[in-house]
Amino acid sequence: MKYLKFDTPAIKHAKDRKSNFGLENHGLTHLDVVYWNLPTSALIEEAVFRGEGKLVNGGAFQTNTGKWTARAANDKYFVQEESTENQIDWGEYNRPMTPEKFSGIFARLQAHWQGEELFVQDVYAGADPEYRLPVRVITDKAWSAHFVKNMLISENDLAKLKEFVPDFTVMVSPGFKLDPRIDGTISETAIIINFAQKLAIIVGSSYAGEIKKSVFTIMNYLMPLEDVMSMHCSANVGKKGDVALFFGLSGTGKTTLSADPKRYLIGDDEHGWSDSGVFNYEAGCYAKAIRLSAEAEPEIHACTSMFGTILENVVFDLASRQIDLDDDRLTENTRLSYPLEYIPNAVPEKMVKSQPKNIIFLTADAQGVMPPIARLTMDQAIYHFISGYTSKIAGTEIGLGIEPQITFSACFGAPFMVHHPYFYASLLKKKAEQSGAKIWLVNTGWVGGKFGVGKRISIRHTRNMLNAALEGKLDKVKYRKDKLFGFEIPTTCPDVPEEVFEPSNAWGDKNDYWRKYDALASRYIENFKLFAEAVPKEILKSGPKRLRK
C-alpha cells in the first residue's frame, strides 16, 4: 500500500483489464495505482488485505458501513440545468443543485483523489442489449467495487473491456465529506446526479445501497423516455412463460415472494418492461438479512455462506467467524449482496421475451385493516400505483424507529422516481392493457390489529394466495366488493382459511376495525390531492369512499 511502500495482492495485474478510455477523460489525474475491472476473488483479497472487512464462516465477506447503515433519503440532489429542468419532478426527493455548486464539489473530489489508489468497474445496467446502459463506477474502496461487480452486469470479454466507453459515470468516495456551509447541502453526505455531464457523485456514505439506487434512479429517468416502463419491482416467470411483477418498498416482501421454487427468478428489485419483454437492470440481489431463516427463505439463506456474498453490518463472532442473523445491534437493516446465479432457479439471461400476465402491488399495512388480496380494475390499479401505500419498515432509511410508519410512496418507489408519477403510471397502464395483465393488491402486513396489537400475516397464506392468482385458480371463485375501496376480494382460495378474507374477523371490536379502515381511506384521499390536477377524473373516481355516518 502506498504509505508503507509494499505491494498489494493485485498490484501486478491492476491494468490487465484496463479500458483505453482512461480516467484522465474524467478529469482524474496524478493518481497512484488504478485497479481496473478486477474479478471477484481479487477484489475480496484486496478488501481483506486493506482491512475493509473480514471473511466469515462459509466464505462470505463481512463489512460494517459505520454511521450510514441505510439510505440517506434526504441527501439526494439533481443538477438543475436546461436539458432536464422541465423533465424532473422537483420536490421532496428530487432536490435541485446549481451547476456551480456541483462543479465546486467535483473539483474538490478530483483534488481529494490525487495520489490515491482507485478501483474501476466497467459494467452495464440493463440485461437487454437494446436498452443497456454502459456505466463506469470509480471508487476508493475495494469492497465497493466488489458490490458493483455483484450487482451490475459485468463485461468479461477483454477486447470489449479495452474498448469500453461509459455512457454514465458514478464516483464513490465514502471518506470525502462535504461542508453544508460551502456546498449548500443538508449534511456532509450527498448523492448528486448530473444528467448533462452524465455523472453521479456519492460522497460521505459507506452504505453500498446508495450505488445501486443511484444507478436505478438514472435508469428511471432514461428508460421511460425510450418507452420502457421502469419499475421498482421483483419479477419471476412460470414454466409457461407467464411473467409476474411484484411492486413494493423495502420490507414488503419483493425479494422473498419472488424467490419461489416453483418459478424462475428474473430479478429481485429493478426492471424494465419493453414491448419485447421484461429485463433486469441488475446482475445481483440485495436482500435484507435480519432474522433470515433457512426454513422460511432457504434460497436466500443459503447465500449467506457463499464465497462472493457481501454481508453488510451483519454481526459475527470474531473467534469462530460465525454470523448471527438475528443480531440487530448495528442496524435492523442488515443486508446481503450476492450474484443472481446463486439462486438455483434464476433466469441466466436475466430477461425474458414475454409479457407480464400478473402484476402484484405489495403493501405492508401496519394498521391491520387491508384485505390479504384484492383484484383491481385498471383505473383502481393506477390510483393505487400512484398512491403507493405501505409502511416503512424499521432500518430501511436513517431515522426510522422500531414501529413502522404509514407512508405513501408514489409508484412504490418515490425516492427513486425522477419524472412525475403519472408519467410512469400512464406508461404502466399502456403496457398492462397491451399485455392483458391482471393486477392485484396484496397485503403482507398485519392482521387482527395494528402493529404491536395484531400479528404479521402468515407468509404461507400469502404464498398460497399468490400461487392461486398466478395459476388462474382465483379466476372462477366468488368475490365480494369492498365497501370503502371498491376492489374485489375473493371469498375463498385453495389452502387458505376462508376467515382470512374478511379482515374484520380478526379484530376483537369490529367497530374499531371500521374506524381504523375509514381513517386509512381518509389518508388515501388526502394524499391523492397532491396528484389530482395531473390525473384524469376517472382515476380520481376510482379511489376509496368514506364510511357514511
Protein backbone atom coordinates (compact mmCIF):
# COMPACT_ATOMS: atom_id res chain seq x y z
CA MET A 1 0.00 0.00 0.00
CA LYS A 2 1.20 3.47 -0.87
CA TYR A 3 2.09 4.77 2.61
CA LEU A 4 4.11 1.69 3.53
CA LYS A 5 5.51 1.11 0.02
CA PHE A 6 4.74 -2.57 -0.37
CA ASP A 7 2.69 -4.38 -2.94
CA THR A 8 -0.95 -5.27 -2.56
CA PRO A 9 -2.18 -8.67 -3.86
CA ALA A 10 -3.49 -7.35 -7.19
CA ILE A 11 -0.94 -4.66 -7.98
CA LYS A 12 0.86 -6.70 -10.66
CA HIS A 13 -2.31 -7.22 -12.70
CA ALA A 14 -4.07 -3.93 -11.86
CA LYS A 15 -4.05 -2.81 -15.52
CA ASP A 16 -4.67 -6.14 -17.26
CA ARG A 17 -8.34 -5.24 -17.87
CA LYS A 18 -7.86 -1.52 -18.45
CA SER A 19 -10.04 0.39 -20.89
CA ASN A 20 -8.39 2.65 -23.47
CA PHE A 21 -10.82 5.32 -22.25
CA GLY A 22 -8.78 6.21 -19.16
CA LEU A 23 -9.56 8.17 -16.03
CA GLU A 24 -7.95 11.30 -17.44
CA ASN A 25 -11.13 11.57 -19.52
CA HIS A 26 -12.99 12.11 -16.23
CA GLY A 27 -10.58 14.78 -15.07
CA LEU A 28 -8.82 12.41 -12.66
CA THR A 29 -5.05 12.89 -12.81
CA HIS A 30 -1.95 12.36 -10.67
CA LEU A 31 -3.36 9.11 -9.30
CA ASP A 32 -1.50 6.26 -7.65
CA VAL A 33 -2.38 2.71 -8.76
CA VAL A 34 -5.74 2.20 -10.51
CA TYR A 35 -7.18 -1.32 -10.28
CA TRP A 36 -9.20 -1.98 -13.44
CA ASN A 37 -12.09 -4.44 -13.57
CA LEU A 38 -10.70 -6.88 -11.03
CA PRO A 39 -12.66 -10.14 -10.73
CA THR A 40 -14.50 -11.02 -7.53
CA SER A 41 -11.75 -13.10 -5.91
CA ALA A 42 -9.15 -10.38 -6.43
CA LEU A 43 -11.46 -7.70 -5.05
CA ILE A 44 -12.18 -9.73 -1.93
CA GLU A 45 -8.47 -10.37 -1.42
CA GLU A 46 -7.75 -6.64 -1.77
CA ALA A 47 -10.59 -5.69 0.59
CA VAL A 48 -9.40 -8.09 3.31
CA PHE A 49 -5.78 -7.01 2.81
CA ARG A 50 -6.79 -3.37 3.26
CA GLY A 51 -8.78 -4.07 6.43
CA GLU A 52 -12.12 -3.16 4.85
CA GLY A 53 -13.80 -6.28 6.21
CA LYS A 54 -13.43 -9.95 7.19
CA LEU A 55 -14.07 -13.35 5.68
CA VAL A 56 -16.57 -15.15 7.89
CA ASN A 57 -17.54 -18.79 8.33
CA GLY A 58 -18.69 -20.21 4.99
CA GLY A 59 -16.68 -17.75 2.89
CA ALA A 60 -18.79 -14.58 2.71
CA PHE A 61 -17.17 -11.14 3.08
CA GLN A 62 -18.44 -9.09 6.04
CA THR A 63 -18.10 -5.33 6.39
CA ASN A 64 -19.50 -2.55 8.56
CA THR A 65 -20.67 0.69 6.96
CA GLY A 66 -20.27 2.92 10.02
CA LYS A 67 -22.62 5.87 10.52
CA TRP A 68 -24.75 5.17 7.44
CA THR A 69 -26.50 1.81 7.64
CA ALA A 70 -29.35 2.79 5.30
CA ARG A 71 -30.10 5.23 2.52
CA ALA A 72 -29.64 8.94 3.20
CA ALA A 73 -33.04 9.76 1.71
CA ASN A 74 -32.76 13.49 2.39
CA ASP A 75 -29.35 13.91 0.77
CA LYS A 76 -30.12 13.27 -2.91
CA TYR A 77 -29.78 16.08 -5.45
CA PHE A 78 -30.08 16.66 -9.20
CA VAL A 79 -28.15 19.36 -11.00
CA GLN A 80 -30.75 21.78 -12.34
CA GLU A 81 -29.83 22.64 -15.91
CA GLU A 82 -31.52 23.34 -19.23
CA SER A 83 -31.71 19.80 -20.65
CA THR A 84 -33.59 18.30 -17.67
CA GLU A 85 -35.16 21.27 -15.87
CA ASN A 86 -38.64 20.60 -17.28
CA GLN A 87 -38.38 16.80 -17.13
CA ILE A 88 -37.62 16.29 -13.45
CA ASP A 89 -40.44 16.30 -10.90
CA TRP A 90 -38.80 18.63 -8.40
CA GLY A 91 -39.79 18.17 -4.78
CA GLU A 92 -39.11 16.25 -1.60
CA TYR A 93 -36.96 13.56 -3.20
CA ASN A 94 -35.65 15.48 -6.20
CA ARG A 95 -33.83 18.48 -4.80
CA PRO A 96 -32.13 20.92 -7.17
CA MET A 97 -28.45 21.82 -7.04
CA THR A 98 -26.88 24.56 -9.14
CA PRO A 99 -24.22 23.66 -11.72
CA GLU A 100 -21.83 25.96 -9.87
CA LYS A 101 -22.21 24.08 -6.57
CA PHE A 102 -21.77 20.76 -8.37
CA SER A 103 -18.62 21.98 -10.13
CA GLY A 104 -17.12 23.05 -6.81
CA ILE A 105 -17.80 19.66 -5.22
CA PHE A 106 -16.46 17.78 -8.24
CA ALA A 107 -13.27 19.87 -8.32
CA ARG A 108 -12.61 19.12 -4.64
CA LEU A 109 -13.22 15.39 -5.20
CA GLN A 110 -10.73 15.43 -8.08
CA ALA A 111 -8.19 17.03 -5.76
CA HIS A 112 -9.07 14.64 -2.93
CA TRP A 113 -8.27 11.65 -5.14
CA GLN A 114 -4.87 12.89 -6.32
CA GLY A 115 -2.22 10.45 -5.14
CA GLU A 116 -4.86 7.87 -4.14
CA GLU A 117 -5.48 4.30 -5.27
CA LEU A 118 -8.78 3.77 -7.08
CA PHE A 119 -10.88 0.83 -8.26
CA VAL A 120 -12.79 0.91 -11.55
CA GLN A 121 -15.59 -1.38 -12.66
CA ASP A 122 -16.89 -1.06 -16.23
CA VAL A 123 -20.36 -2.63 -16.18
CA TYR A 124 -23.86 -2.41 -17.65
CA ALA A 125 -27.26 -1.55 -16.22
CA GLY A 126 -29.91 -3.48 -18.15
CA ALA A 127 -29.75 -7.09 -19.32
CA ASP A 128 -31.42 -6.33 -22.67
CA PRO A 129 -28.64 -5.31 -25.12
CA GLU A 130 -31.09 -2.99 -26.87
CA TYR A 131 -31.50 -0.83 -23.77
CA ARG A 132 -28.49 -1.48 -21.56
CA LEU A 133 -26.52 1.49 -20.22
CA PRO A 134 -22.70 1.28 -20.08
CA VAL A 135 -21.76 2.51 -16.59
CA ARG A 136 -18.33 3.13 -15.09
CA VAL A 137 -18.11 3.08 -11.29
CA ILE A 138 -14.97 4.60 -9.75
CA THR A 139 -14.39 4.16 -6.02
CA ASP A 140 -11.59 4.28 -3.47
CA LYS A 141 -12.77 1.10 -1.67
CA ALA A 142 -12.14 -2.42 -2.94
CA TRP A 143 -15.31 -3.76 -1.32
CA SER A 144 -17.43 -1.08 -3.01
CA ALA A 145 -16.06 -2.31 -6.35
CA HIS A 146 -16.92 -5.86 -5.25
CA PHE A 147 -20.50 -4.71 -4.58
CA VAL A 148 -20.69 -3.24 -8.08
CA LYS A 149 -19.32 -6.49 -9.51
CA ASN A 150 -22.10 -8.40 -7.71
CA MET A 151 -24.93 -6.04 -8.51
CA LEU A 152 -24.41 -4.86 -12.09
CA ILE A 153 -23.76 -6.75 -15.32
CA SER A 154 -20.10 -7.47 -15.97
CA GLU A 155 -18.25 -7.50 -19.26
CA ASN A 156 -15.86 -10.47 -19.32
CA ASP A 157 -14.58 -10.11 -22.89
CA LEU A 158 -11.14 -8.47 -22.58
CA ALA A 159 -11.34 -6.99 -26.08
CA LYS A 160 -14.68 -5.32 -25.26
CA LEU A 161 -13.34 -4.09 -21.91
CA LYS A 162 -10.47 -2.43 -23.74
CA GLU A 163 -12.92 -0.58 -25.98
CA PHE A 164 -15.42 0.21 -23.17
CA VAL A 165 -16.66 3.82 -23.09
CA PRO A 166 -19.22 4.68 -20.38
CA ASP A 167 -22.47 6.47 -21.08
CA PHE A 168 -22.69 7.33 -17.37
CA THR A 169 -20.06 7.50 -14.63
CA VAL A 170 -20.57 7.07 -10.88
CA MET A 171 -17.85 8.27 -8.50
CA VAL A 172 -17.96 6.95 -4.94
CA SER A 173 -15.85 8.25 -2.05
CA PRO A 174 -17.25 7.41 1.41
CA GLY A 175 -14.48 9.31 3.21
CA PHE A 176 -14.96 12.59 1.31
CA LYS A 177 -17.08 14.93 3.44
CA LEU A 178 -18.98 17.98 2.26
CA ASP A 179 -19.34 21.27 4.11
CA PRO A 180 -23.01 22.38 4.12
CA ARG A 181 -21.92 25.99 4.64
CA ILE A 182 -20.00 25.94 1.34
CA ASP A 183 -21.88 23.32 -0.65
CA GLY A 184 -25.46 24.22 0.26
CA THR A 185 -26.22 20.63 1.25
CA ILE A 186 -28.17 19.42 4.27
CA SER A 187 -25.26 17.39 5.64
CA GLU A 188 -21.72 16.25 4.82
CA THR A 189 -23.26 13.43 2.75
CA ALA A 190 -24.65 13.80 -0.77
CA ILE A 191 -25.82 11.75 -3.72
CA ILE A 192 -25.75 14.08 -6.74
CA ILE A 193 -26.80 13.21 -10.29
CA ASN A 194 -25.86 15.42 -13.22
CA PHE A 195 -27.62 14.31 -16.42
CA ALA A 196 -25.93 16.98 -18.55
CA GLN A 197 -22.46 15.68 -17.65
CA LYS A 198 -23.65 12.05 -17.32
CA LEU A 199 -22.00 11.92 -13.93
CA ALA A 200 -23.15 10.92 -10.43
CA ILE A 201 -21.21 11.57 -7.23
CA ILE A 202 -21.77 9.69 -3.95
CA VAL A 203 -19.80 11.07 -1.01
CA GLY A 204 -19.92 10.84 2.76
CA SER A 205 -21.64 7.44 2.98
CA SER A 206 -20.29 3.87 3.00
CA TYR A 207 -23.73 2.30 2.55
CA ALA A 208 -23.48 0.36 -0.71
CA GLY A 209 -27.19 0.64 -1.41
CA GLU A 210 -26.55 4.25 -2.49
CA ILE A 211 -24.61 2.96 -5.53
CA LYS A 212 -27.36 0.55 -6.50
CA LYS A 213 -30.18 3.07 -6.09
CA SER A 214 -28.29 5.85 -7.89
CA VAL A 215 -27.95 3.67 -10.99
CA PHE A 216 -31.64 2.74 -10.64
CA THR A 217 -32.58 6.42 -10.42
CA ILE A 218 -30.59 7.14 -13.60
CA MET A 219 -32.41 4.31 -15.40
CA ASN A 220 -35.74 5.60 -14.07
CA TYR A 221 -35.07 8.85 -15.86
CA LEU A 222 -33.68 7.47 -19.14
CA MET A 223 -35.77 4.36 -19.84
CA PRO A 224 -39.29 5.91 -19.90
CA LEU A 225 -38.00 8.40 -22.49
CA GLU A 226 -37.47 5.31 -24.70
CA ASP A 227 -40.99 3.99 -23.97
CA VAL A 228 -39.65 1.42 -21.49
CA MET A 229 -41.54 1.14 -18.19
CA SER A 230 -39.00 1.45 -15.38
CA MET A 231 -40.08 -0.42 -12.25
CA HIS A 232 -39.16 -0.83 -8.59
CA CYS A 233 -40.24 -4.45 -8.59
CA SER A 234 -39.09 -8.05 -8.48
CA ALA A 235 -40.02 -10.37 -11.32
CA ASN A 236 -40.32 -14.08 -11.94
CA VAL A 237 -41.64 -16.31 -14.69
CA GLY A 238 -43.53 -19.61 -14.73
CA LYS A 239 -42.77 -22.65 -16.84
CA LYS A 240 -45.30 -21.47 -19.44
CA GLY A 241 -43.56 -18.10 -19.85
CA ASP A 242 -46.06 -16.19 -17.69
CA VAL A 243 -44.25 -13.24 -16.11
CA ALA A 244 -45.28 -11.80 -12.73
CA LEU A 245 -44.18 -8.41 -11.39
CA PHE A 246 -44.04 -7.64 -7.64
CA PHE A 247 -44.01 -3.92 -6.80
CA GLY A 248 -43.24 -2.78 -3.27
CA LEU A 249 -40.97 -0.83 -0.96
CA SER A 250 -38.19 -2.47 1.02
CA GLY A 251 -39.62 -4.79 3.68
CA THR A 252 -42.87 -5.60 1.86
CA GLY A 253 -41.69 -8.97 0.55
CA LYS A 254 -40.49 -8.34 -3.02
CA THR A 255 -37.36 -10.46 -2.66
CA THR A 256 -38.95 -13.17 -0.50
CA LEU A 257 -42.10 -13.70 -2.57
CA SER A 258 -40.37 -13.63 -5.96
CA ALA A 259 -37.86 -16.30 -4.88
CA ASP A 260 -40.43 -19.04 -5.43
CA PRO A 261 -39.01 -22.55 -6.06
CA LYS A 262 -41.92 -23.22 -8.47
CA ARG A 263 -40.98 -20.28 -10.70
CA TYR A 264 -37.83 -18.82 -12.25
CA LEU A 265 -36.39 -15.58 -10.83
CA ILE A 266 -35.68 -12.77 -13.31
CA GLY A 267 -34.61 -10.37 -10.56
CA ASP A 268 -35.47 -9.11 -7.10
CA ASP A 269 -35.67 -5.32 -7.30
CA GLU A 270 -35.31 -3.29 -10.52
CA HIS A 271 -36.62 -4.00 -14.02
CA GLY A 272 -37.52 -2.55 -17.39
CA TRP A 273 -40.61 -3.54 -19.38
CA SER A 274 -40.28 -3.03 -23.12
CA ASP A 275 -42.51 -4.11 -25.98
CA SER A 276 -40.39 -7.24 -26.35
CA GLY A 277 -40.34 -8.37 -22.70
CA VAL A 278 -39.07 -7.80 -19.16
CA PHE A 279 -35.40 -7.38 -18.27
CA ASN A 280 -33.44 -6.99 -15.06
CA TYR A 281 -31.38 -3.84 -14.60
CA GLU A 282 -29.01 -5.76 -12.33
CA ALA A 283 -26.99 -8.95 -12.04
CA GLY A 284 -27.40 -9.47 -8.32
CA CYS A 285 -29.70 -9.32 -5.31
CA TYR A 286 -29.56 -7.07 -2.25
CA ALA A 287 -31.70 -8.82 0.34
CA LYS A 288 -32.47 -7.99 3.96
CA ALA A 289 -30.52 -10.32 6.23
CA ILE A 290 -32.10 -9.63 9.61
CA ARG A 291 -33.74 -12.76 11.06
CA LEU A 292 -33.33 -14.59 7.77
CA SER A 293 -34.13 -18.28 8.28
CA ALA A 294 -33.36 -21.42 6.34
CA GLU A 295 -36.92 -22.61 6.92
CA ALA A 296 -38.80 -19.57 5.57
CA GLU A 297 -36.33 -18.43 2.88
CA PRO A 298 -33.97 -21.32 2.09
CA GLU A 299 -32.67 -20.00 -1.26
CA ILE A 300 -31.67 -16.61 0.16
CA HIS A 301 -30.40 -18.00 3.46
CA ALA A 302 -28.03 -20.34 1.60
CA CYS A 303 -26.32 -17.29 0.06
CA THR A 304 -25.13 -16.08 3.49
CA SER A 305 -22.44 -18.76 3.50
CA MET A 306 -21.23 -18.46 -0.09
CA PHE A 307 -17.93 -17.01 -1.26
CA GLY A 308 -18.69 -13.82 -3.19
CA THR A 309 -21.57 -12.75 -0.95
CA ILE A 310 -21.18 -9.44 0.88
CA LEU A 311 -22.71 -9.18 4.37
CA GLU A 312 -23.35 -5.57 5.38
CA ASN A 313 -23.45 -4.84 9.13
CA VAL A 314 -24.18 -8.48 9.98
CA VAL A 315 -22.81 -9.26 13.44
CA PHE A 316 -20.38 -12.18 13.79
CA ASP A 317 -18.25 -13.82 16.48
CA LEU A 318 -14.63 -12.79 15.93
CA ALA A 319 -13.15 -16.08 17.15
CA SER A 320 -15.40 -18.54 15.28
CA ARG A 321 -16.42 -16.16 12.47
CA GLN A 322 -19.96 -17.49 12.90
CA ILE A 323 -22.59 -14.93 11.83
CA ASP A 324 -25.70 -14.10 13.85
CA LEU A 325 -28.54 -13.09 11.54
CA ASP A 326 -30.82 -12.26 14.50
CA ASP A 327 -28.47 -9.65 15.99
CA ASP A 328 -29.63 -6.11 15.17
CA ARG A 329 -27.23 -4.20 17.43
CA LEU A 330 -25.70 -2.34 14.44
CA THR A 331 -28.90 -1.88 12.47
CA GLU A 332 -32.21 -3.51 11.66
CA ASN A 333 -31.23 -3.06 8.01
CA THR A 334 -28.55 -5.75 7.75
CA ARG A 335 -28.05 -6.76 4.12
CA LEU A 336 -26.52 -9.36 1.86
CA SER A 337 -25.42 -8.79 -1.72
CA TYR A 338 -24.92 -11.79 -3.98
CA PRO A 339 -24.92 -12.63 -7.70
CA LEU A 340 -28.30 -13.65 -9.10
CA GLU A 341 -26.96 -17.03 -10.19
CA TYR A 342 -26.58 -18.01 -6.51
CA ILE A 343 -30.37 -18.53 -6.57
CA PRO A 344 -30.84 -22.03 -8.06
CA ASN A 345 -33.86 -21.17 -10.21
CA ALA A 346 -32.66 -17.79 -11.53
CA VAL A 347 -33.00 -17.00 -15.23
CA PRO A 348 -29.37 -16.88 -16.54
CA GLU A 349 -30.14 -14.25 -19.19
CA LYS A 350 -31.83 -12.00 -16.59
CA MET A 351 -34.53 -11.24 -19.16
CA VAL A 352 -37.49 -12.93 -20.84
CA LYS A 353 -39.12 -12.26 -24.19
CA SER A 354 -42.69 -12.47 -22.91
CA GLN A 355 -45.17 -10.03 -21.39
CA PRO A 356 -46.42 -9.92 -17.77
CA LYS A 357 -49.66 -11.77 -17.07
CA ASN A 358 -49.95 -10.69 -13.42
CA ILE A 359 -48.93 -7.51 -11.60
CA ILE A 360 -48.86 -7.51 -7.81
CA PHE A 361 -48.74 -4.39 -5.64
CA LEU A 362 -47.32 -5.36 -2.24
CA THR A 363 -48.31 -3.28 0.77
CA ALA A 364 -47.28 -3.89 4.37
CA ASP A 365 -50.36 -2.47 6.08
CA ALA A 366 -49.31 -1.73 9.66
CA GLN A 367 -52.89 -0.71 10.53
CA GLY A 368 -54.13 -4.30 10.14
CA VAL A 369 -57.20 -3.37 8.09
CA MET A 370 -56.43 -4.10 4.42
CA PRO A 371 -57.57 -7.41 2.88
CA PRO A 372 -54.90 -10.04 2.20
CA ILE A 373 -55.52 -9.91 -1.56
CA ALA A 374 -57.78 -7.89 -3.87
CA ARG A 375 -58.33 -7.73 -7.63
CA LEU A 376 -58.14 -4.25 -9.16
CA THR A 377 -59.69 -2.65 -12.20
CA MET A 378 -57.25 -0.72 -14.41
CA ASP A 379 -58.34 2.66 -13.02
CA GLN A 380 -58.09 1.35 -9.45
CA ALA A 381 -54.65 -0.02 -10.29
CA ILE A 382 -53.42 3.37 -11.49
CA TYR A 383 -54.86 5.00 -8.36
CA HIS A 384 -53.05 2.55 -6.08
CA PHE A 385 -49.85 2.71 -8.13
CA ILE A 386 -49.70 6.49 -7.83
CA SER A 387 -50.65 6.28 -4.13
CA GLY A 388 -48.08 3.58 -3.28
CA TYR A 389 -49.50 2.95 0.19
CA THR A 390 -47.36 0.89 2.56
CA SER A 391 -45.45 1.15 5.82
CA LYS A 392 -41.79 1.99 6.05
CA ILE A 393 -40.13 -0.87 7.91
CA ALA A 394 -37.52 -0.18 10.60
CA GLY A 395 -33.97 0.32 9.37
CA THR A 396 -34.56 0.83 5.65
CA GLU A 397 -33.97 4.59 5.97
CA ILE A 398 -31.99 6.57 8.50
CA GLY A 399 -34.22 7.92 11.26
CA LEU A 400 -36.90 5.22 11.30
CA GLY A 401 -37.76 3.78 14.71
CA ILE A 402 -38.96 0.28 15.60
CA GLU A 403 -42.62 0.96 14.78
CA PRO A 404 -43.48 1.01 11.05
CA GLN A 405 -44.55 4.36 9.65
CA ILE A 406 -47.54 4.84 7.33
CA THR A 407 -46.29 6.19 4.04
CA PHE A 408 -47.49 6.86 0.53
CA SER A 409 -44.60 6.31 -1.84
CA ALA A 410 -45.66 7.06 -5.42
CA CYS A 411 -45.01 4.22 -7.88
CA PHE A 412 -43.95 2.10 -4.88
CA GLY A 413 -40.57 3.81 -5.04
CA ALA A 414 -40.92 7.61 -4.84
CA PRO A 415 -37.32 8.25 -3.70
CA PHE A 416 -36.05 6.79 -6.99
CA MET A 417 -38.58 8.27 -9.42
CA VAL A 418 -37.44 11.28 -11.42
CA HIS A 419 -40.43 12.07 -13.68
CA HIS A 420 -43.93 12.88 -12.41
CA PRO A 421 -45.70 9.78 -11.02
CA TYR A 422 -48.44 9.95 -13.67
CA PHE A 423 -45.78 9.74 -16.39
CA TYR A 424 -44.86 6.28 -15.05
CA ALA A 425 -48.49 5.38 -14.30
CA SER A 426 -49.70 6.12 -17.82
CA LEU A 427 -46.86 4.02 -19.24
CA LEU A 428 -47.77 1.17 -16.89
CA LYS A 429 -51.40 1.40 -18.00
CA LYS A 430 -50.40 1.25 -21.66
CA LYS A 431 -48.16 -1.79 -21.15
CA ALA A 432 -50.68 -3.61 -18.94
CA GLU A 433 -53.54 -3.06 -21.37
CA GLN A 434 -51.42 -4.36 -24.23
CA SER A 435 -50.44 -7.49 -22.30
CA GLY A 436 -53.85 -8.07 -20.69
CA ALA A 437 -52.26 -8.40 -17.25
CA LYS A 438 -54.39 -8.93 -14.14
CA ILE A 439 -53.49 -6.55 -11.31
CA TRP A 440 -53.65 -7.48 -7.62
CA LEU A 441 -53.16 -5.68 -4.32
CA VAL A 442 -51.57 -7.99 -1.73
CA ASN A 443 -51.21 -7.10 1.95
CA THR A 444 -48.10 -8.55 3.59
CA GLY A 445 -48.62 -6.51 6.77
CA TRP A 446 -50.66 -7.09 9.91
CA VAL A 447 -53.98 -8.71 10.79
CA GLY A 448 -56.13 -8.51 13.93
CA GLY A 449 -54.98 -5.02 14.83
CA LYS A 450 -52.22 -2.57 14.07
CA PHE A 451 -48.51 -3.20 14.65
CA GLY A 452 -47.98 -4.11 18.30
CA VAL A 453 -51.52 -5.47 18.68
CA GLY A 454 -52.11 -7.76 15.72
CA LYS A 455 -49.66 -10.12 14.06
CA ARG A 456 -47.91 -10.25 10.68
CA ILE A 457 -49.84 -12.11 8.00
CA SER A 458 -48.66 -15.68 7.56
CA ILE A 459 -46.16 -15.86 4.69
CA ARG A 460 -47.55 -19.35 3.96
CA HIS A 461 -51.03 -17.90 3.42
CA THR A 462 -49.59 -15.11 1.25
CA ARG A 463 -47.65 -17.59 -0.89
CA ASN A 464 -50.75 -19.78 -1.33
CA MET A 465 -52.86 -16.79 -2.39
CA LEU A 466 -50.20 -15.62 -4.83
CA ASN A 467 -49.77 -19.07 -6.31
CA ALA A 468 -53.55 -19.31 -6.78
CA ALA A 469 -53.62 -15.91 -8.50
CA LEU A 470 -50.68 -16.72 -10.79
CA GLU A 471 -52.06 -20.15 -11.69
CA GLY A 472 -55.52 -18.77 -12.54
CA LYS A 473 -57.22 -20.51 -9.61
CA LEU A 474 -58.80 -17.24 -8.44
CA ASP A 475 -60.44 -16.56 -11.80
CA LYS A 476 -63.60 -18.53 -11.06
CA VAL A 477 -64.05 -18.13 -7.29
CA LYS A 478 -66.70 -15.87 -5.76
CA TYR A 479 -65.69 -12.26 -4.96
CA ARG A 480 -67.19 -9.57 -2.76
CA LYS A 481 -66.89 -5.83 -3.37
CA ASP A 482 -65.09 -3.86 -0.67
CA LYS A 483 -67.42 -1.11 0.55
CA LEU A 484 -64.69 1.51 1.01
CA PHE A 485 -62.21 0.86 -1.79
CA GLY A 486 -64.50 -0.84 -4.28
CA PHE A 487 -61.97 -3.50 -5.27
CA GLU A 488 -62.93 -7.17 -5.40
CA ILE A 489 -61.86 -9.56 -2.63
CA PRO A 490 -62.04 -13.35 -3.15
CA THR A 491 -64.10 -15.19 -0.55
CA THR A 492 -62.22 -18.47 -0.94
CA CYS A 493 -58.78 -19.68 -2.01
CA PRO A 494 -57.18 -23.14 -2.01
CA ASP A 495 -55.17 -23.86 1.16
CA VAL A 496 -56.17 -20.60 2.88
CA PRO A 497 -58.83 -20.42 5.65
CA GLU A 498 -61.94 -18.52 4.50
CA GLU A 499 -61.99 -16.23 7.54
CA VAL A 500 -58.70 -14.69 6.37
CA PHE A 501 -60.54 -12.91 3.53
CA GLU A 502 -62.65 -10.81 5.91
CA PRO A 503 -60.05 -8.82 7.91
CA SER A 504 -62.60 -7.58 10.46
CA ASN A 505 -63.00 -11.19 11.69
CA ALA A 506 -59.58 -11.00 13.34
CA TRP A 507 -60.48 -7.89 15.35
CA GLY A 508 -61.98 -8.13 18.80
CA ASP A 509 -64.01 -4.96 18.21
CA LYS A 510 -65.42 -4.70 14.66
CA ASN A 511 -66.46 -1.08 15.20
CA ASP A 512 -62.84 -0.28 15.97
CA TYR A 513 -61.84 -2.07 12.76
CA TRP A 514 -64.16 0.08 10.63
CA ARG A 515 -62.99 3.27 12.33
CA LYS A 516 -59.39 2.37 11.50
CA TYR A 517 -60.28 1.36 7.94
CA ASP A 518 -62.18 4.60 7.38
CA ALA A 519 -59.24 6.57 8.78
CA LEU A 520 -56.94 4.85 6.27
CA ALA A 521 -59.34 5.70 3.42
CA SER A 522 -59.20 9.31 4.59
CA ARG A 523 -55.39 9.24 4.44
CA TYR A 524 -55.56 7.88 0.87
CA ILE A 525 -57.92 10.67 -0.22
CA GLU A 526 -55.82 13.38 1.41
CA ASN A 527 -52.59 12.07 -0.11
CA PHE A 528 -54.05 11.86 -3.62
CA LYS A 529 -54.82 15.58 -3.60
CA LEU A 530 -51.11 16.01 -4.42
CA PHE A 531 -51.72 14.44 -7.83
CA ALA A 532 -55.33 15.42 -8.55
CA GLU A 533 -54.53 18.15 -11.11
CA ALA A 534 -52.34 15.87 -13.23
CA VAL A 535 -54.52 12.75 -13.49
CA PRO A 536 -57.78 12.06 -15.38
CA LYS A 537 -61.06 12.28 -13.47
CA GLU A 538 -61.79 8.56 -13.88
CA ILE A 539 -58.67 7.79 -11.85
CA LEU A 540 -59.83 10.12 -9.07
CA LYS A 541 -63.24 8.44 -9.02
CA SER A 542 -61.66 5.00 -8.58
CA GLY A 543 -60.29 5.90 -5.13
CA PRO A 544 -61.88 4.98 -1.78
CA LYS A 545 -65.09 6.41 -0.34
CA ARG A 546 -65.54 7.36 3.32
CA LEU A 547 -67.94 5.47 5.59
CA ARG A 548 -71.36 7.06 5.74
CA LYS A 549 -72.13 8.34 9.22
